[in-house]
Amino acid sequence: MVTDVGDGSEKEEAKENDRSDDESGESTNVSHMQASNAVDVLMRYFQQSDLATDDDMQPLSLIKRHMDYMRFCSQKQTMI
């Protein structure tokens, strides 16, 4: 579909991006495990890509390591 520059489609796109994930207007929380799985899928995608380089994988590896640390910290026992 071809659109003209002045038709306001960019404004509609911005509104869609501002909406929360839940239809009731409440934002949904993403667990550490869900985020970790999403990064794993993204890393596999880049590994399968012929155009991906080590420079592409390094930031993803850092993000993955940080997410694993955050998950580990959230699982620490806080009460006896």
PDB file of N, CA and C in Angstrom:
ATOM      1  N   MET A   1       0.836  -1.166   0.000  1.00  0.00           N
ATOM      2  CA  MET A   1       0.000   0.000   0.000  1.00  0.00           C
ATOM      3  C   MET A   1       0.890   1.241   0.000  1.00  0.00           C
ATOM      4  N   VAL A   2       0.648   2.155  -0.887  1.00  0.00           N
ATOM      5  CA  VAL A   2       1.401   3.384  -0.990  1.00  0.00           C
ATOM      6  C   VAL A   2       0.576   4.497  -0.372  1.00  0.00           C
ATOM      7  N   THR A   3       1.214   5.274   0.519  1.00  0.00           N
ATOM      8  CA  THR A   3       0.508   6.379   1.162  1.00  0.00           C
ATOM      9  C   THR A   3       1.225   7.673   0.867  1.00  0.00           C
ATOM     10  N   ASP A   4       0.463   8.746   0.896  1.00  0.00           N
ATOM     11  CA  ASP A   4       1.045  10.064   0.709  1.00  0.00           C
ATOM     12  C   ASP A   4       1.715  10.498   1.999  1.00  0.00           C
ATOM     13  N   VAL A   5       2.630  11.439   1.894  1.00  0.00           N
ATOM     14  CA  VAL A   5       3.372  11.917   3.050  1.00  0.00           C
ATOM     15  C   VAL A   5       2.460  12.616   4.049  1.00  0.00           C
ATOM     16  N   GLY A   6       1.496  13.366   3.594  1.00  0.00           N
ATOM     17  CA  GLY A   6       0.671  14.177   4.476  1.00  0.00           C
ATOM     18  C   GLY A   6      -0.618  13.536   4.917  1.00  0.00           C
ATOM     19  N   ASP A   7      -0.769  12.209   4.879  1.00  0.00           N
ATOM     20  CA  ASP A   7      -2.054  11.595   5.200  1.00  0.00           C
ATOM     21  C   ASP A   7      -2.219  11.256   6.677  1.00  0.00           C
ATOM     22  N   GLY A   8      -1.200  11.489   7.510  1.00  0.00           N
ATOM     23  CA  GLY A   8      -1.335  11.255   8.944  1.00  0.00           C
ATOM     24  C   GLY A   8      -1.076   9.828   9.375  1.00  0.00           C
ATOM     25  N   SER A   9      -0.567   8.984   8.496  1.00  0.00           N
ATOM     26  CA  SER A   9      -0.322   7.599   8.878  1.00  0.00           C
ATOM     27  C   SER A   9       0.746   7.489   9.949  1.00  0.00           C
ATOM     28  N   GLU A  10       1.694   8.427   9.977  1.00  0.00           N
ATOM     29  CA  GLU A  10       2.728   8.400  11.011  1.00  0.00           C
ATOM     30  C   GLU A  10       2.116   8.670  12.379  1.00  0.00           C
ATOM     31  N   LYS A  11       1.128   9.544  12.442  1.00  0.00           N
ATOM     32  CA  LYS A  11       0.464   9.829  13.710  1.00  0.00           C
ATOM     33  C   LYS A  11      -0.304   8.616  14.200  1.00  0.00           C
ATOM     34  N   GLU A  12      -0.966   7.906  13.286  1.00  0.00           N
ATOM     35  CA  GLU A  12      -1.703   6.703  13.667  1.00  0.00           C
ATOM     36  C   GLU A  12      -0.751   5.633  14.181  1.00  0.00           C
ATOM     37  N   GLU A  13       0.404   5.498  13.533  1.00  0.00           N
ATOM     38  CA  GLU A  13       1.392   4.525  13.965  1.00  0.00           C
ATOM     39  C   GLU A  13       1.895   4.859  15.359  1.00  0.00           C
ATOM     40  N   ALA A  14       2.136   6.121  15.628  1.00  0.00           N
ATOM     41  CA  ALA A  14       2.608   6.550  16.943  1.00  0.00           C
ATOM     42  C   ALA A  14       1.568   6.246  18.014  1.00  0.00           C
ATOM     43  N   LYS A  15       0.278   6.442  17.694  1.00  0.00           N
ATOM     44  CA  LYS A  15      -0.784   6.141  18.653  1.00  0.00           C
ATOM     45  C   LYS A  15      -0.818   4.654  18.962  1.00  0.00           C
ATOM     46  N   GLU A  16      -0.654   3.812  17.949  1.00  0.00           N
ATOM     47  CA  GLU A  16      -0.655   2.373  18.162  1.00  0.00           C
ATOM     48  C   GLU A  16       0.510   1.960  19.041  1.00  0.00           C
ATOM     49  N   ASN A  17       1.669   2.581  18.865  1.00  0.00           N
ATOM     50  CA  ASN A  17       2.835   2.243  19.674  1.00  0.00           C
ATOM     51  C   ASN A  17       2.686   2.713  21.111  1.00  0.00           C
ATOM     52  N   ASP A  18       1.905   3.762  21.353  1.00  0.00           N
ATOM     53  CA  ASP A  18       1.707   4.282  22.693  1.00  0.00           C
ATOM     54  C   ASP A  18       0.707   3.455  23.494  1.00  0.00           C
ATOM     55  N   ARG A  19      -0.117   2.674  22.843  1.00  0.00           N
ATOM     56  CA  ARG A  19      -1.126   1.877  23.533  1.00  0.00           C
ATOM     57  C   ARG A  19      -0.450   0.807  24.371  1.00  0.00           C
ATOM     58  N   SER A  20      -1.098   0.478  25.486  1.00  0.00           N
ATOM     59  CA  SER A  20      -0.562  -0.568  26.342  1.00  0.00           C
ATOM     60  C   SER A  20      -0.864  -1.930  25.727  1.00  0.00           C
ATOM     61  N   ASP A  21      -0.222  -2.959  26.286  1.00  0.00           N
ATOM     62  CA  ASP A  21      -0.369  -4.309  25.750  1.00  0.00           C
ATOM     63  C   ASP A  21      -1.742  -4.908  26.023  1.00  0.00           C
ATOM     64  N   ASP A  22      -2.378  -4.472  27.062  1.00  0.00           N
ATOM     65  CA  ASP A  22      -3.642  -5.046  27.477  1.00  0.00           C
ATOM     66  C   ASP A  22      -4.790  -4.190  26.960  1.00  0.00           C
ATOM     67  N   GLU A  23      -5.864  -4.816  26.522  1.00  0.00           N
ATOM     68  CA  GLU A  23      -7.018  -4.086  25.984  1.00  0.00           C
ATOM     69  C   GLU A  23      -7.719  -3.259  27.053  1.00  0.00           C
ATOM     70  N   SER A  24      -7.600  -3.647  28.330  1.00  0.00           N
ATOM     71  CA  SER A  24      -8.284  -2.923  29.390  1.00  0.00           C
ATOM     72  C   SER A  24      -7.559  -1.635  29.777  1.00  0.00           C
ATOM     73  N   GLY A  25      -6.400  -1.384  29.164  1.00  0.00           N
ATOM     74  CA  GLY A  25      -5.665  -0.163  29.448  1.00  0.00           C
ATOM     75  C   GLY A  25      -4.542  -0.361  30.443  1.00  0.00           C
ATOM     76  N   GLU A  26      -4.468  -1.551  31.047  1.00  0.00           N
ATOM     77  CA  GLU A  26      -3.404  -1.827  32.005  1.00  0.00           C
ATOM     78  C   GLU A  26      -2.226  -2.447  31.276  1.00  0.00           C
ATOM     79  N   SER A  27      -1.030  -2.064  31.669  1.00  0.00           N
ATOM     80  CA  SER A  27       0.144  -2.656  31.042  1.00  0.00           C
ATOM     81  C   SER A  27       0.402  -4.027  31.662  1.00  0.00           C
ATOM     82  N   THR A  28       0.875  -4.955  30.871  1.00  0.00           N
ATOM     83  CA  THR A  28       1.163  -6.290  31.357  1.00  0.00           C
ATOM     84  C   THR A  28       2.641  -6.403  31.676  1.00  0.00           C
ATOM     85  N   ASN A  29       2.950  -7.097  32.747  1.00  0.00           N
ATOM     86  CA  ASN A  29       4.331  -7.300  33.156  1.00  0.00           C
ATOM     87  C   ASN A  29       4.921  -8.487  32.424  1.00  0.00           C
ATOM     88  N   VAL A  30       6.176  -8.367  32.060  1.00  0.00           N
ATOM     89  CA  VAL A  30       6.893  -9.446  31.396  1.00  0.00           C
ATOM     90  C   VAL A  30       7.842 -10.053  32.414  1.00  0.00           C
ATOM     91  N   SER A  31       7.819 -11.374  32.544  1.00  0.00           N
ATOM     92  CA  SER A  31       8.684 -12.038  33.509  1.00  0.00           C
ATOM     93  C   SER A  31      10.109 -12.109  32.980  1.00  0.00           C
ATOM     94  N   HIS A  32      11.035 -12.383  33.902  1.00  0.00           N
ATOM     95  CA  HIS A  32      12.433 -12.530  33.512  1.00  0.00           C
ATOM     96  C   HIS A  32      12.595 -13.679  32.524  1.00  0.00           C
ATOM     97  N   MET A  33      11.841 -14.743  32.745  1.00  0.00           N
ATOM     98  CA  MET A  33      11.945 -15.913  31.869  1.00  0.00           C
ATOM     99  C   MET A  33      11.433 -15.593  30.466  1.00  0.00           C
ATOM    100  N   GLN A  34      10.339 -14.856  30.365  1.00  0.00           N
ATOM    101  CA  GLN A  34       9.817 -14.486  29.054  1.00  0.00           C
ATOM    102  C   GLN A  34      10.805 -13.603  28.299  1.00  0.00           C
ATOM    103  N   ALA A  35      11.400 -12.659  28.994  1.00  0.00           N
ATOM    104  CA  ALA A  35      12.377 -11.778  28.359  1.00  0.00           C
ATOM    105  C   ALA A  35      13.605 -12.559  27.932  1.00  0.00           C
ATOM    106  N   SER A  36      14.050 -13.468  28.767  1.00  0.00           N
ATOM    107  CA  SER A  36      15.212 -14.290  28.438  1.00  0.00           C
ATOM    108  C   SER A  36      14.931 -15.161  27.212  1.00  0.00           C
ATOM    109  N   ASN A  37      13.750 -15.730  27.158  1.00  0.00           N
ATOM    110  CA  ASN A  37      13.382 -16.550  25.999  1.00  0.00           C
ATOM    111  C   ASN A  37      13.326 -15.716  24.723  1.00  0.00           C
ATOM    112  N   ALA A  38      12.843 -14.483  24.829  1.00  0.00           N
ATOM    113  CA  ALA A  38      12.773 -13.606  23.657  1.00  0.00           C
ATOM    114  C   ALA A  38      14.176 -13.288  23.139  1.00  0.00           C
ATOM    115  N   VAL A  39      15.108 -13.035  24.053  1.00  0.00           N
ATOM    116  CA  VAL A  39      16.483 -12.754  23.636  1.00  0.00           C
ATOM    117  C   VAL A  39      17.110 -14.004  23.016  1.00  0.00           C
ATOM    118  N   ASP A  40      16.799 -15.182  23.559  1.00  0.00           N
ATOM    119  CA  ASP A  40      17.308 -16.425  22.984  1.00  0.00           C
ATOM    120  C   ASP A  40      16.839 -16.595  21.542  1.00  0.00           C
ATOM    121  N   VAL A  41      15.571 -16.309  21.301  1.00  0.00           N
ATOM    122  CA  VAL A  41      15.027 -16.422  19.942  1.00  0.00           C
ATOM    123  C   VAL A  41      15.717 -15.423  19.016  1.00  0.00           C
ATOM    124  N   LEU A  42      15.918 -14.215  19.497  1.00  0.00           N
ATOM    125  CA  LEU A  42      16.590 -13.191  18.697  1.00  0.00           C
ATOM    126  C   LEU A  42      18.033 -13.588  18.383  1.00  0.00           C
ATOM    127  N   MET A  43      18.717 -14.171  19.351  1.00  0.00           N
ATOM    128  CA  MET A  43      20.101 -14.608  19.126  1.00  0.00           C
ATOM    129  C   MET A  43      20.141 -15.745  18.088  1.00  0.00           C
ATOM    130  N   ARG A  44      19.188 -16.673  18.180  1.00  0.00           N
ATOM    131  CA  ARG A  44      19.142 -17.760  17.188  1.00  0.00           C
ATOM    132  C   ARG A  44      18.880 -17.201  15.801  1.00  0.00           C
ATOM    133  N   TYR A  45      18.014 -16.176  15.705  1.00  0.00           N
ATOM    134  CA  TYR A  45      17.724 -15.552  14.411  1.00  0.00           C
ATOM    135  C   TYR A  45      19.002 -14.971  13.807  1.00  0.00           C
ATOM    136  N   PHE A  46      19.772 -14.249  14.610  1.00  0.00           N
ATOM    137  CA  PHE A  46      21.003 -13.653  14.108  1.00  0.00           C
ATOM    138  C   PHE A  46      22.033 -14.723  13.753  1.00  0.00           C
ATOM    139  N   GLN A  47      22.090 -15.815  14.505  1.00  0.00           N
ATOM    140  CA  GLN A  47      23.030 -16.888  14.214  1.00  0.00           C
ATOM    141  C   GLN A  47      22.693 -17.563  12.888  1.00  0.00           C
ATOM    142  N   GLN A  48      21.411 -17.644  12.555  1.00  0.00           N
ATOM    143  CA  GLN A  48      20.994 -18.280  11.307  1.00  0.00           C
ATOM    144  C   GLN A  48      21.163 -17.362  10.108  1.00  0.00           C
ATOM    145  N   SER A  49      21.250 -16.069  10.354  1.00  0.00           N
ATOM    146  CA  SER A  49      21.349 -15.105   9.274  1.00  0.00           C
ATOM    147  C   SER A  49      22.743 -15.133   8.658  1.00  0.00           C
ATOM    148  N   ASP A  50      22.788 -15.106   7.350  1.00  0.00           N
ATOM    149  CA  ASP A  50      24.069 -15.082   6.651  1.00  0.00           C
ATOM    150  C   ASP A  50      24.753 -13.723   6.774  1.00  0.00           C
ATOM    151  N   LEU A  51      23.991 -12.691   7.034  1.00  0.00           N
ATOM    152  CA  LEU A  51      24.538 -11.342   7.082  1.00  0.00           C
ATOM    153  C   LEU A  51      24.983 -10.921   8.481  1.00  0.00           C
ATOM    154  N   ALA A  52      24.681 -11.722   9.495  1.00  0.00           N
ATOM    155  CA  ALA A  52      25.026 -11.367  10.870  1.00  0.00           C
ATOM    156  C   ALA A  52      26.523 -11.536  11.105  1.00  0.00           C
ATOM    157  N   THR A  53      27.074 -10.644  11.908  1.00  0.00           N
ATOM    158  CA  THR A  53      28.499 -10.702  12.240  1.00  0.00           C
ATOM    159  C   THR A  53      28.654 -10.840  13.754  1.00  0.00           C
ATOM    160  N   ASP A  54      29.898 -11.028  14.183  1.00  0.00           N
ATOM    161  CA  ASP A  54      30.164 -11.098  15.616  1.00  0.00           C
ATOM    162  C   ASP A  54      29.815  -9.781  16.301  1.00  0.00           C
ATOM    163  N   ASP A  55      29.960  -8.685  15.585  1.00  0.00           N
ATOM    164  CA  ASP A  55      29.604  -7.380  16.144  1.00  0.00           C
ATOM    165  C   ASP A  55      28.106  -7.283  16.415  1.00  0.00           C
ATOM    166  N   ASP A  56      27.300  -8.028  15.676  1.00  0.00           N
ATOM    167  CA  ASP A  56      25.858  -8.061  15.921  1.00  0.00           C
ATOM    168  C   ASP A  56      25.531  -8.892  17.162  1.00  0.00           C
ATOM    169  N   MET A  57      26.299  -9.942  17.380  1.00  0.00           N
ATOM    170  CA  MET A  57      26.015 -10.867  18.465  1.00  0.00           C
ATOM    171  C   MET A  57      26.502 -10.356  19.817  1.00  0.00           C
ATOM    172  N   GLN A  58      27.544  -9.549  19.834  1.00  0.00           N
ATOM    173  CA  GLN A  58      28.112  -9.101  21.098  1.00  0.00           C
ATOM    174  C   GLN A  58      27.113  -8.333  21.963  1.00  0.00           C
ATOM    175  N   PRO A  59      26.396  -7.335  21.431  1.00  0.00           N
ATOM    176  CA  PRO A  59      25.424  -6.635  22.295  1.00  0.00           C
ATOM    177  C   PRO A  59      24.315  -7.555  22.793  1.00  0.00           C
ATOM    178  N   LEU A  60      23.887  -8.504  21.961  1.00  0.00           N
ATOM    179  CA  LEU A  60      22.854  -9.441  22.397  1.00  0.00           C
ATOM    180  C   LEU A  60      23.366 -10.327  23.522  1.00  0.00           C
ATOM    181  N   SER A  61      24.621 -10.728  23.438  1.00  0.00           N
ATOM    182  CA  SER A  61      25.214 -11.546  24.497  1.00  0.00           C
ATOM    183  C   SER A  61      25.287 -10.770  25.803  1.00  0.00           C
ATOM    184  N   LEU A  62      25.632  -9.493  25.722  1.00  0.00           N
ATOM    185  CA  LEU A  62      25.686  -8.662  26.928  1.00  0.00           C
ATOM    186  C   LEU A  62      24.299  -8.503  27.547  1.00  0.00           C
ATOM    187  N   ILE A  63      23.297  -8.303  26.703  1.00  0.00           N
ATOM    188  CA  ILE A  63      21.922  -8.183  27.192  1.00  0.00           C
ATOM    189  C   ILE A  63      21.487  -9.480  27.857  1.00  0.00           C
ATOM    190  N   LYS A  64      21.784 -10.591  27.232  1.00  0.00           N
ATOM    191  CA  LYS A  64      21.422 -11.907  27.771  1.00  0.00           C
ATOM    192  C   LYS A  64      22.088 -12.123  29.128  1.00  0.00           C
ATOM    193  N   ARG A  65      23.361 -11.792  29.233  1.00  0.00           N
ATOM    194  CA  ARG A  65      24.082 -11.964  30.492  1.00  0.00           C
ATOM    195  C   ARG A  65      23.470 -11.083  31.586  1.00  0.00           C
ATOM    196  N   HIS A  66      23.132  -9.858  31.244  1.00  0.00           N
ATOM    197  CA  HIS A  66      22.529  -8.956  32.216  1.00  0.00           C
ATOM    198  C   HIS A  66      21.152  -9.453  32.648  1.00  0.00           C
ATOM    199  N   MET A  67      20.387  -9.974  31.734  1.00  0.00           N
ATOM    200  CA  MET A  67      19.061 -10.501  32.070  1.00  0.00           C
ATOM    201  C   MET A  67      19.172 -11.726  32.967  1.00  0.00           C
ATOM    202  N   ASP A  68      20.157 -12.589  32.703  1.00  0.00           N
ATOM    203  CA  ASP A  68      20.367 -13.752  33.565  1.00  0.00           C
ATOM    204  C   ASP A  68      20.735 -13.312  34.977  1.00  0.00           C
ATOM    205  N   TYR A  69      21.567 -12.270  35.089  1.00  0.00           N
ATOM    206  CA  TYR A  69      21.945 -11.744  36.394  1.00  0.00           C
ATOM    207  C   TYR A  69      20.721 -11.182  37.116  1.00  0.00           C
ATOM    208  N   MET A  70      19.883 -10.444  36.386  1.00  0.00           N
ATOM    209  CA  MET A  70      18.680  -9.880  36.990  1.00  0.00           C
ATOM    210  C   MET A  70      17.732 -10.984  37.466  1.00  0.00           C
ATOM    211  N   ARG A  71      17.604 -12.037  36.693  1.00  0.00           N
ATOM    212  CA  ARG A  71      16.748 -13.155  37.095  1.00  0.00           C
ATOM    213  C   ARG A  71      17.311 -13.831  38.340  1.00  0.00           C
ATOM    214  N   PHE A  72      18.632 -14.020  38.381  1.00  0.00           N
ATOM    215  CA  PHE A  72      19.281 -14.629  39.531  1.00  0.00           C
ATOM    216  C   PHE A  72      19.057 -13.785  40.786  1.00  0.00           C
ATOM    217  N   CYS A  73      19.216 -12.475  40.658  1.00  0.00           N
ATOM    218  CA  CYS A  73      19.029 -11.572  41.806  1.00  0.00           C
ATOM    219  C   CYS A  73      17.592 -11.582  42.302  1.00  0.00           C
ATOM    220  N   SER A  74      16.653 -11.741  41.416  1.00  0.00           N
ATOM    221  CA  SER A  74      15.247 -11.728  41.822  1.00  0.00           C
ATOM    222  C   SER A  74      14.855 -13.031  42.514  1.00  0.00           C
ATOM    223  N   GLN A  75      15.658 -14.082  42.384  1.00  0.00           N
ATOM    224  CA  GLN A  75      15.336 -15.373  42.992  1.00  0.00           C
ATOM    225  C   GLN A  75      16.005 -15.576  44.341  1.00  0.00           C
ATOM    226  N   LYS A  76      16.757 -14.594  44.813  1.00  0.00           N
ATOM    227  CA  LYS A  76      17.418 -14.718  46.106  1.00  0.00           C
ATOM    228  C   LYS A  76      16.383 -14.758  47.210  1.00  0.00           C
ATOM    229  N   GLN A  77      16.690 -15.550  48.228  1.00  0.00           N
ATOM    230  CA  GLN A  77      15.804 -15.649  49.381  1.00  0.00           C
ATOM    231  C   GLN A  77      15.874 -14.365  50.184  1.00  0.00           C
ATOM    232  N   THR A  78      14.738 -13.788  50.477  1.00  0.00           N
ATOM    233  CA  THR A  78      14.705 -12.523  51.224  1.00  0.00           C
ATOM    234  C   THR A  78      14.286 -12.725  52.672  1.00  0.00           C
ATOM    235  N   MET A  79      13.641 -13.856  52.998  1.00  0.00           N
ATOM    236  CA  MET A  79      13.197 -14.114  54.372  1.00  0.00           C
ATOM    237  C   MET A  79      13.521 -15.546  54.739  1.00  0.00           C
ATOM    238  N   ILE A  80      13.721 -15.755  56.033  1.00  0.00           N
ATOM    239  CA  ILE A  80      13.993 -17.116  56.533  1.00  0.00           C
ATOM    240  C   ILE A  80      12.713 -17.688  57.085  1.00  0.00           C
TER     241      ILE A  80
END
